[in-house]
Amino acid sequence: MSLGLERVARILDLFTSDVPEWTVTDVCRALDLPKSTVWESLQDMTEVGLLRRVGRGRYRLGWRAFQIGLRARMTSEISGPAWETMRRLVETHHETMHLVSRYRSHVVFLEKIAPPTGVRVNLARVGERLPAHCTASGKVLLAALSRSELVDLYGTGLPSGLTRRSITDLNSLRDELARVAGRGYALDVEEYVDGVCSLAAPITNRHGDTAWALSMSFPVARLESHGDGYARAVVEAAQHLSNVA
């Protein structure tokens, strides 16, 4: 990847629903880049519509970023089929469903459907990212990687634990991923948020690669009574989507 393209990607990654607006100084501080470099990049990105100015020296995502996101969703080979499958699972089980992919050591939420009534689990919004090693969907996607690929991601160590149950070392993560590969689905029991459990299964693309994960999130109190049924439902749905994809 060229340095200019990598810089653009890093800048775009800064814009989130929690922090939607950035200044040149903010970007310089966040990415440890010279002010002249950041200023030039922001001007170029504004010129092509990736960003827009909203005040003196302040920027938000622009029309082209919005357009690209919509096109990615509309042209995805999995988004449409997954939406229908997720909707049926929500109607049947009344739990929150997610479609997820991986970007390096994070998972990205592509689709989400929450039940209209009852408990709604708000782990993340569509488009947001979470650490892969402490989420069920992330474990499913990491389980498809080779040993050397895992070392490339986590050779310097795992991020700090988010809860007291989070995995914090690479050997423990390897052991967990082996269990995931053996049973065909992953569990996150209060590893990202206290009181919340998630269960995920892999979705493969037409080349047989694990490209996405289908996950269900629910209160941890339901794991003992509903966990086995949830696991069967999610695994069967993920297998169906693998055939469709």
C-alpha atoms as a PDB file:
ATOM      1  CA  MET A   1       0.000   0.000   0.000  1.00  0.00           C
ATOM      2  CA  SER A   2       1.315   3.460  -0.877  1.00  0.00           C
ATOM      3  CA  LEU A   3       2.011   5.856   1.975  1.00  0.00           C
ATOM      4  CA  GLY A   4      -0.563   8.322   0.641  1.00  0.00           C
ATOM      5  CA  LEU A   5      -3.330   5.725   0.455  1.00  0.00           C
ATOM      6  CA  GLU A   6      -2.468   4.379   3.886  1.00  0.00           C
ATOM      7  CA  ARG A   7      -2.630   7.904   5.297  1.00  0.00           C
ATOM      8  CA  VAL A   8      -6.074   8.446   3.770  1.00  0.00           C
ATOM      9  CA  ALA A   9      -7.316   5.180   5.289  1.00  0.00           C
ATOM     10  CA  ARG A  10      -5.941   6.115   8.719  1.00  0.00           C
ATOM     11  CA  ILE A  11      -7.639   9.512   8.570  1.00  0.00           C
ATOM     12  CA  LEU A  12     -10.977   8.019   7.519  1.00  0.00           C
ATOM     13  CA  ASP A  13     -10.752   5.540  10.396  1.00  0.00           C
ATOM     14  CA  LEU A  14     -10.773   8.432  12.868  1.00  0.00           C
ATOM     15  CA  PHE A  15     -14.338   9.442  12.000  1.00  0.00           C
ATOM     16  CA  THR A  16     -16.845   7.544  14.157  1.00  0.00           C
ATOM     17  CA  SER A  17     -20.355   8.102  15.463  1.00  0.00           C
ATOM     18  CA  ASP A  18     -18.836   9.082  18.820  1.00  0.00           C
ATOM     19  CA  VAL A  19     -16.278  11.476  17.279  1.00  0.00           C
ATOM     20  CA  PRO A  20     -17.727  12.604  13.909  1.00  0.00           C
ATOM     21  CA  GLU A  21     -15.785  15.876  13.608  1.00  0.00           C
ATOM     22  CA  TRP A  22     -12.009  16.460  13.492  1.00  0.00           C
ATOM     23  CA  THR A  23      -9.650  19.412  13.127  1.00  0.00           C
ATOM     24  CA  VAL A  24      -6.185  19.444  11.569  1.00  0.00           C
ATOM     25  CA  THR A  25      -4.658  19.648  15.041  1.00  0.00           C
ATOM     26  CA  ASP A  26      -6.761  16.723  16.286  1.00  0.00           C
ATOM     27  CA  VAL A  27      -5.669  14.538  13.363  1.00  0.00           C
ATOM     28  CA  CYS A  28      -2.014  15.499  13.827  1.00  0.00           C
ATOM     29  CA  ARG A  29      -2.186  14.521  17.487  1.00  0.00           C
ATOM     30  CA  ALA A  30      -4.052  11.251  16.861  1.00  0.00           C
ATOM     31  CA  LEU A  31      -1.830  10.014  14.036  1.00  0.00           C
ATOM     32  CA  ASP A  32       1.468  11.678  15.037  1.00  0.00           C
ATOM     33  CA  LEU A  33       1.854  13.335  11.624  1.00  0.00           C
ATOM     34  CA  PRO A  34       3.225  16.772  10.647  1.00  0.00           C
ATOM     35  CA  LYS A  35       0.677  19.540  10.344  1.00  0.00           C
ATOM     36  CA  SER A  36       1.594  20.304   6.726  1.00  0.00           C
ATOM     37  CA  THR A  37       1.075  16.652   5.725  1.00  0.00           C
ATOM     38  CA  VAL A  38      -2.295  16.435   7.445  1.00  0.00           C
ATOM     39  CA  TRP A  39      -3.489  19.758   6.048  1.00  0.00           C
ATOM     40  CA  GLU A  40      -2.614  18.719   2.488  1.00  0.00           C
ATOM     41  CA  SER A  41      -4.312  15.323   2.909  1.00  0.00           C
ATOM     42  CA  LEU A  42      -7.505  16.883   4.298  1.00  0.00           C
ATOM     43  CA  GLN A  43      -7.636  19.360   1.387  1.00  0.00           C
ATOM     44  CA  ASP A  44      -7.268  16.566  -1.167  1.00  0.00           C
ATOM     45  CA  MET A  45      -9.880  14.406   0.568  1.00  0.00           C
ATOM     46  CA  THR A  46     -12.292  17.354   0.687  1.00  0.00           C
ATOM     47  CA  GLU A  47     -11.719  18.082  -2.998  1.00  0.00           C
ATOM     48  CA  VAL A  48     -12.867  14.566  -4.018  1.00  0.00           C
ATOM     49  CA  GLY A  49     -15.782  14.450  -1.556  1.00  0.00           C
ATOM     50  CA  LEU A  50     -14.391  12.029   1.028  1.00  0.00           C
ATOM     51  CA  LEU A  51     -14.551  14.847   3.606  1.00  0.00           C
ATOM     52  CA  ARG A  52     -16.460  18.124   3.920  1.00  0.00           C
ATOM     53  CA  ARG A  53     -15.687  21.303   5.822  1.00  0.00           C
ATOM     54  CA  VAL A  54     -18.201  22.212   8.512  1.00  0.00           C
ATOM     55  CA  GLY A  55     -16.442  25.237   9.929  1.00  0.00           C
ATOM     56  CA  ARG A  56     -13.060  26.876  10.059  1.00  0.00           C
ATOM     57  CA  GLY A  57     -10.587  24.012  10.148  1.00  0.00           C
ATOM     58  CA  ARG A  58     -13.201  21.377  11.011  1.00  0.00           C
ATOM     59  CA  TYR A  59     -14.100  18.319   8.919  1.00  0.00           C
ATOM     60  CA  ARG A  60     -16.690  15.549   8.708  1.00  0.00           C
ATOM     61  CA  LEU A  61     -17.159  12.621   6.321  1.00  0.00           C
ATOM     62  CA  GLY A  62     -18.318  13.754   2.886  1.00  0.00           C
ATOM     63  CA  TRP A  63     -20.827  12.655   0.273  1.00  0.00           C
ATOM     64  CA  ARG A  64     -18.436  10.263  -1.479  1.00  0.00           C
ATOM     65  CA  ALA A  65     -17.728   8.333   1.725  1.00  0.00           C
ATOM     66  CA  PHE A  66     -21.488   7.975   2.201  1.00  0.00           C
ATOM     67  CA  GLN A  67     -21.939   6.892  -1.411  1.00  0.00           C
ATOM     68  CA  ILE A  68     -19.177   4.281  -1.221  1.00  0.00           C
ATOM     69  CA  GLY A  69     -20.683   2.826   1.945  1.00  0.00           C
ATOM     70  CA  LEU A  70     -24.093   2.496   0.331  1.00  0.00           C
ATOM     71  CA  ARG A  71     -22.646   0.912  -2.793  1.00  0.00           C
ATOM     72  CA  ALA A  72     -20.639  -1.570  -0.746  1.00  0.00           C
ATOM     73  CA  ARG A  73     -23.798  -2.637   1.044  1.00  0.00           C
ATOM     74  CA  MET A  74     -25.916  -2.809  -2.113  1.00  0.00           C
ATOM     75  CA  THR A  75     -23.363  -4.832  -4.083  1.00  0.00           C
ATOM     76  CA  SER A  76     -22.383  -7.231  -1.292  1.00  0.00           C
ATOM     77  CA  GLU A  77     -23.009 -10.888  -2.089  1.00  0.00           C
ATOM     78  CA  ILE A  78     -23.936 -11.593   1.537  1.00  0.00           C
ATOM     79  CA  SER A  79     -25.718  -8.501   2.869  1.00  0.00           C
ATOM     80  CA  GLY A  80     -29.161  -9.172   1.316  1.00  0.00           C
ATOM     81  CA  PRO A  81     -29.381 -12.896   2.123  1.00  0.00           C
ATOM     82  CA  ALA A  82     -27.969 -12.290   5.611  1.00  0.00           C
ATOM     83  CA  TRP A  83     -30.584  -9.621   6.347  1.00  0.00           C
ATOM     84  CA  GLU A  84     -33.437 -12.030   5.638  1.00  0.00           C
ATOM     85  CA  THR A  85     -31.827 -14.824   7.651  1.00  0.00           C
ATOM     86  CA  MET A  86     -31.121 -12.515  10.575  1.00  0.00           C
ATOM     87  CA  ARG A  87     -34.676 -11.179  10.511  1.00  0.00           C
ATOM     88  CA  ARG A  88     -36.093 -14.710  10.790  1.00  0.00           C
ATOM     89  CA  LEU A  89     -33.772 -15.520  13.693  1.00  0.00           C
ATOM     90  CA  VAL A  90     -34.796 -12.342  15.522  1.00  0.00           C
ATOM     91  CA  GLU A  91     -38.480 -13.154  15.007  1.00  0.00           C
ATOM     92  CA  THR A  92     -37.939 -16.694  16.328  1.00  0.00           C
ATOM     93  CA  HIS A  93     -35.543 -16.134  19.224  1.00  0.00           C
ATOM     94  CA  HIS A  94     -36.035 -12.417  20.075  1.00  0.00           C
ATOM     95  CA  GLU A  95     -32.305 -11.779  20.356  1.00  0.00           C
ATOM     96  CA  THR A  96     -29.973  -9.308  18.633  1.00  0.00           C
ATOM     97  CA  MET A  97     -28.253 -10.522  15.446  1.00  0.00           C
ATOM     98  CA  HIS A  98     -25.105  -9.221  13.718  1.00  0.00           C
ATOM     99  CA  LEU A  99     -23.235  -9.837  10.470  1.00  0.00           C
ATOM    100  CA  VAL A 100     -19.527  -9.195  10.920  1.00  0.00           C
ATOM    101  CA  SER A 101     -16.288  -9.209   8.931  1.00  0.00           C
ATOM    102  CA  ARG A 102     -12.661  -8.780  10.044  1.00  0.00           C
ATOM    103  CA  TYR A 103     -10.178  -5.965   9.448  1.00  0.00           C
ATOM    104  CA  ARG A 104      -6.792  -6.923  10.873  1.00  0.00           C
ATOM    105  CA  SER A 105      -7.253  -7.413  14.626  1.00  0.00           C
ATOM    106  CA  HIS A 106     -10.757  -5.910  14.711  1.00  0.00           C
ATOM    107  CA  VAL A 107     -14.209  -6.976  13.640  1.00  0.00           C
ATOM    108  CA  VAL A 108     -16.423  -4.637  11.617  1.00  0.00           C
ATOM    109  CA  PHE A 109     -20.211  -4.720  12.039  1.00  0.00           C
ATOM    110  CA  LEU A 110     -21.866  -4.883   8.598  1.00  0.00           C
ATOM    111  CA  GLU A 111     -25.500  -5.503   9.566  1.00  0.00           C
ATOM    112  CA  LYS A 112     -27.497  -5.520  12.799  1.00  0.00           C
ATOM    113  CA  ILE A 113     -31.089  -6.360  13.690  1.00  0.00           C
ATOM    114  CA  ALA A 114     -32.431  -5.976  17.229  1.00  0.00           C
ATOM    115  CA  PRO A 115     -35.774  -7.356  18.483  1.00  0.00           C
ATOM    116  CA  PRO A 116     -38.576  -4.771  18.538  1.00  0.00           C
ATOM    117  CA  THR A 117     -39.356  -5.575  22.174  1.00  0.00           C
ATOM    118  CA  GLY A 118     -37.504  -7.072  25.109  1.00  0.00           C
ATOM    119  CA  VAL A 119     -33.757  -6.829  25.771  1.00  0.00           C
ATOM    120  CA  ARG A 120     -31.676  -5.182  23.044  1.00  0.00           C
ATOM    121  CA  VAL A 121     -27.929  -5.731  23.166  1.00  0.00           C
ATOM    122  CA  ASN A 122     -26.052  -2.672  21.938  1.00  0.00           C
ATOM    123  CA  LEU A 123     -22.493  -3.904  21.473  1.00  0.00           C
ATOM    124  CA  ALA A 124     -21.827  -1.679  18.449  1.00  0.00           C
ATOM    125  CA  ARG A 125     -23.500   0.187  15.619  1.00  0.00           C
ATOM    126  CA  VAL A 126     -23.229  -0.814  11.959  1.00  0.00           C
ATOM    127  CA  GLY A 127     -19.846   0.290  10.633  1.00  0.00           C
ATOM    128  CA  GLU A 128     -18.126   0.299  14.017  1.00  0.00           C
ATOM    129  CA  ARG A 129     -15.216  -1.916  15.045  1.00  0.00           C
ATOM    130  CA  LEU A 130     -14.406  -3.981  18.138  1.00  0.00           C
ATOM    131  CA  PRO A 131     -11.311  -5.966  19.153  1.00  0.00           C
ATOM    132  CA  ALA A 132     -11.566  -9.417  17.548  1.00  0.00           C
ATOM    133  CA  HIS A 133      -9.997 -11.471  20.339  1.00  0.00           C
ATOM    134  CA  CYS A 134     -12.731 -10.758  22.892  1.00  0.00           C
ATOM    135  CA  THR A 135     -15.812 -11.183  20.696  1.00  0.00           C
ATOM    136  CA  ALA A 136     -17.455 -14.398  19.499  1.00  0.00           C
ATOM    137  CA  SER A 137     -17.521 -13.236  15.884  1.00  0.00           C
ATOM    138  CA  GLY A 138     -13.877 -12.212  16.103  1.00  0.00           C
ATOM    139  CA  LYS A 139     -12.844 -15.606  17.443  1.00  0.00           C
ATOM    140  CA  VAL A 140     -14.651 -17.339  14.569  1.00  0.00           C
ATOM    141  CA  LEU A 141     -12.766 -15.230  12.039  1.00  0.00           C
ATOM    142  CA  LEU A 142      -9.427 -15.540  13.842  1.00  0.00           C
ATOM    143  CA  ALA A 143      -9.832 -19.334  14.023  1.00  0.00           C
ATOM    144  CA  ALA A 144      -9.486 -19.457  10.235  1.00  0.00           C
ATOM    145  CA  LEU A 145      -5.999 -17.911  10.349  1.00  0.00           C
ATOM    146  CA  SER A 146      -2.722 -19.797  10.347  1.00  0.00           C
ATOM    147  CA  ARG A 147      -0.305 -19.709  13.274  1.00  0.00           C
ATOM    148  CA  SER A 148       1.984 -17.287  11.428  1.00  0.00           C
ATOM    149  CA  GLU A 149      -0.944 -14.993  10.575  1.00  0.00           C
ATOM    150  CA  LEU A 150      -1.893 -14.848  14.259  1.00  0.00           C
ATOM    151  CA  VAL A 151       1.670 -13.959  15.180  1.00  0.00           C
ATOM    152  CA  ASP A 152       1.627 -11.180  12.585  1.00  0.00           C
ATOM    153  CA  LEU A 153      -1.492  -9.752  14.253  1.00  0.00           C
ATOM    154  CA  TYR A 154      -0.558 -10.258  17.896  1.00  0.00           C
ATOM    155  CA  GLY A 155       3.198 -10.772  17.955  1.00  0.00           C
ATOM    156  CA  THR A 156       3.633  -7.758  20.228  1.00  0.00           C
ATOM    157  CA  GLY A 157       0.898  -8.972  22.585  1.00  0.00           C
ATOM    158  CA  LEU A 158      -2.861  -8.738  22.906  1.00  0.00           C
ATOM    159  CA  PRO A 159      -4.586  -5.485  23.880  1.00  0.00           C
ATOM    160  CA  SER A 160      -5.486  -5.005  27.519  1.00  0.00           C
ATOM    161  CA  GLY A 161      -8.502  -6.942  28.742  1.00  0.00           C
ATOM    162  CA  LEU A 162     -11.842  -5.178  28.559  1.00  0.00           C
ATOM    163  CA  THR A 163     -13.396  -7.242  31.366  1.00  0.00           C
ATOM    164  CA  ARG A 164     -11.996  -9.660  33.920  1.00  0.00           C
ATOM    165  CA  ARG A 165     -12.929 -12.520  31.567  1.00  0.00           C
ATOM    166  CA  SER A 166     -11.110 -11.182  28.493  1.00  0.00           C
ATOM    167  CA  ILE A 167      -8.280 -13.249  27.004  1.00  0.00           C
ATOM    168  CA  THR A 168      -5.013 -11.379  27.480  1.00  0.00           C
ATOM    169  CA  ASP A 169      -2.237 -13.610  26.100  1.00  0.00           C
ATOM    170  CA  LEU A 170      -1.561 -15.259  22.751  1.00  0.00           C
ATOM    171  CA  ASN A 171      -1.238 -18.837  24.060  1.00  0.00           C
ATOM    172  CA  SER A 172      -4.655 -18.676  25.702  1.00  0.00           C
ATOM    173  CA  LEU A 173      -6.091 -17.215  22.512  1.00  0.00           C
ATOM    174  CA  ARG A 174      -4.602 -20.070  20.455  1.00  0.00           C
ATOM    175  CA  ASP A 175      -6.169 -22.629  22.802  1.00  0.00           C
ATOM    176  CA  GLU A 176      -9.537 -20.892  22.553  1.00  0.00           C
ATOM    177  CA  LEU A 177      -9.379 -20.734  18.752  1.00  0.00           C
ATOM    178  CA  ALA A 178      -8.622 -24.459  18.596  1.00  0.00           C
ATOM    179  CA  ARG A 179     -11.798 -25.115  20.612  1.00  0.00           C
ATOM    180  CA  VAL A 180     -13.739 -22.825  18.266  1.00  0.00           C
ATOM    181  CA  ALA A 181     -12.493 -24.680  15.193  1.00  0.00           C
ATOM    182  CA  GLY A 182     -13.348 -28.025  16.799  1.00  0.00           C
ATOM    183  CA  ARG A 183     -16.965 -27.266  17.684  1.00  0.00           C
ATOM    184  CA  GLY A 184     -17.789 -24.999  14.747  1.00  0.00           C
ATOM    185  CA  TYR A 185     -18.864 -21.898  16.681  1.00  0.00           C
ATOM    186  CA  ALA A 186     -17.490 -19.430  19.215  1.00  0.00           C
ATOM    187  CA  LEU A 187     -18.659 -18.019  22.517  1.00  0.00           C
ATOM    188  CA  ASP A 188     -17.934 -14.725  24.219  1.00  0.00           C
ATOM    189  CA  VAL A 189     -19.116 -14.955  27.808  1.00  0.00           C
ATOM    190  CA  GLU A 190     -18.807 -11.452  29.295  1.00  0.00           C
ATOM    191  CA  GLU A 191     -15.451 -10.952  27.558  1.00  0.00           C
ATOM    192  CA  TYR A 192     -16.372  -7.628  25.971  1.00  0.00           C
ATOM    193  CA  VAL A 193     -19.245  -6.402  28.159  1.00  0.00           C
ATOM    194  CA  ASP A 194     -20.237  -7.635  31.604  1.00  0.00           C
ATOM    195  CA  GLY A 195     -23.618  -9.339  31.578  1.00  0.00           C
ATOM    196  CA  VAL A 196     -23.623 -10.011  27.821  1.00  0.00           C
ATOM    197  CA  CYS A 197     -22.944 -13.242  25.959  1.00  0.00           C
ATOM    198  CA  SER A 198     -22.457 -13.669  22.204  1.00  0.00           C
ATOM    199  CA  LEU A 199     -22.408 -16.750  20.029  1.00  0.00           C
ATOM    200  CA  ALA A 200     -21.085 -16.806  16.450  1.00  0.00           C
ATOM    201  CA  ALA A 201     -20.574 -19.193  13.520  1.00  0.00           C
ATOM    202  CA  PRO A 202     -18.496 -18.823  10.341  1.00  0.00           C
ATOM    203  CA  ILE A 203     -19.820 -17.981   6.880  1.00  0.00           C
ATOM    204  CA  THR A 204     -17.609 -19.008   3.972  1.00  0.00           C
ATOM    205  CA  ASN A 205     -17.473 -17.419   0.511  1.00  0.00           C
ATOM    206  CA  ARG A 206     -17.540 -19.256  -2.815  1.00  0.00           C
ATOM    207  CA  HIS A 207     -13.812 -19.972  -2.498  1.00  0.00           C
ATOM    208  CA  GLY A 208     -14.288 -21.709   0.840  1.00  0.00           C
ATOM    209  CA  ASP A 209     -12.638 -18.941   2.864  1.00  0.00           C
ATOM    210  CA  THR A 210     -14.165 -17.770   6.140  1.00  0.00           C
ATOM    211  CA  ALA A 211     -15.179 -14.263   5.125  1.00  0.00           C
ATOM    212  CA  TRP A 212     -17.906 -13.332   7.620  1.00  0.00           C
ATOM    213  CA  ALA A 213     -19.407 -14.353  10.936  1.00  0.00           C
ATOM    214  CA  LEU A 214     -23.048 -14.511  11.976  1.00  0.00           C
ATOM    215  CA  SER A 215     -23.535 -13.734  15.650  1.00  0.00           C
ATOM    216  CA  MET A 216     -26.300 -13.601  18.237  1.00  0.00           C
ATOM    217  CA  SER A 217     -25.970 -11.506  21.412  1.00  0.00           C
ATOM    218  CA  PHE A 218     -28.073 -11.967  24.536  1.00  0.00           C
ATOM    219  CA  PRO A 219     -28.022 -11.567  28.338  1.00  0.00           C
ATOM    220  CA  VAL A 220     -25.608 -14.026  29.914  1.00  0.00           C
ATOM    221  CA  ALA A 221     -28.373 -15.313  32.208  1.00  0.00           C
ATOM    222  CA  ARG A 222     -29.932 -17.051  29.185  1.00  0.00           C
ATOM    223  CA  LEU A 223     -26.812 -19.001  28.238  1.00  0.00           C
ATOM    224  CA  GLU A 224     -27.506 -22.063  30.390  1.00  0.00           C
ATOM    225  CA  SER A 225     -31.156 -22.439  29.404  1.00  0.00           C
ATOM    226  CA  HIS A 226     -31.014 -21.273  25.773  1.00  0.00           C
ATOM    227  CA  GLY A 227     -27.373 -21.619  24.715  1.00  0.00           C
ATOM    228  CA  ASP A 228     -27.588 -25.008  22.994  1.00  0.00           C
ATOM    229  CA  GLY A 229     -30.664 -24.025  21.000  1.00  0.00           C
ATOM    230  CA  TYR A 230     -29.122 -20.707  20.033  1.00  0.00           C
ATOM    231  CA  ALA A 231     -25.930 -22.461  18.912  1.00  0.00           C
ATOM    232  CA  ARG A 232     -27.822 -24.854  16.651  1.00  0.00           C
ATOM    233  CA  ALA A 233     -29.846 -22.030  15.127  1.00  0.00           C
ATOM    234  CA  VAL A 234     -26.836 -19.808  14.429  1.00  0.00           C
ATOM    235  CA  VAL A 235     -24.694 -22.645  13.019  1.00  0.00           C
ATOM    236  CA  GLU A 236     -27.497 -23.802  10.712  1.00  0.00           C
ATOM    237  CA  ALA A 237     -28.141 -20.244   9.540  1.00  0.00           C
ATOM    238  CA  ALA A 238     -24.428 -19.645   8.888  1.00  0.00           C
ATOM    239  CA  GLN A 239     -24.208 -22.871   6.895  1.00  0.00           C
ATOM    240  CA  HIS A 240     -27.195 -21.771   4.828  1.00  0.00           C
ATOM    241  CA  LEU A 241     -25.578 -18.404   4.122  1.00  0.00           C
ATOM    242  CA  SER A 242     -22.331 -20.134   3.149  1.00  0.00           C
ATOM    243  CA  ASN A 243     -24.261 -22.073   0.508  1.00  0.00           C
ATOM    244  CA  VAL A 244     -25.936 -18.888  -0.722  1.00  0.00           C
ATOM    245  CA  ALA A 245     -22.685 -16.900  -0.830  1.00  0.00           C
END
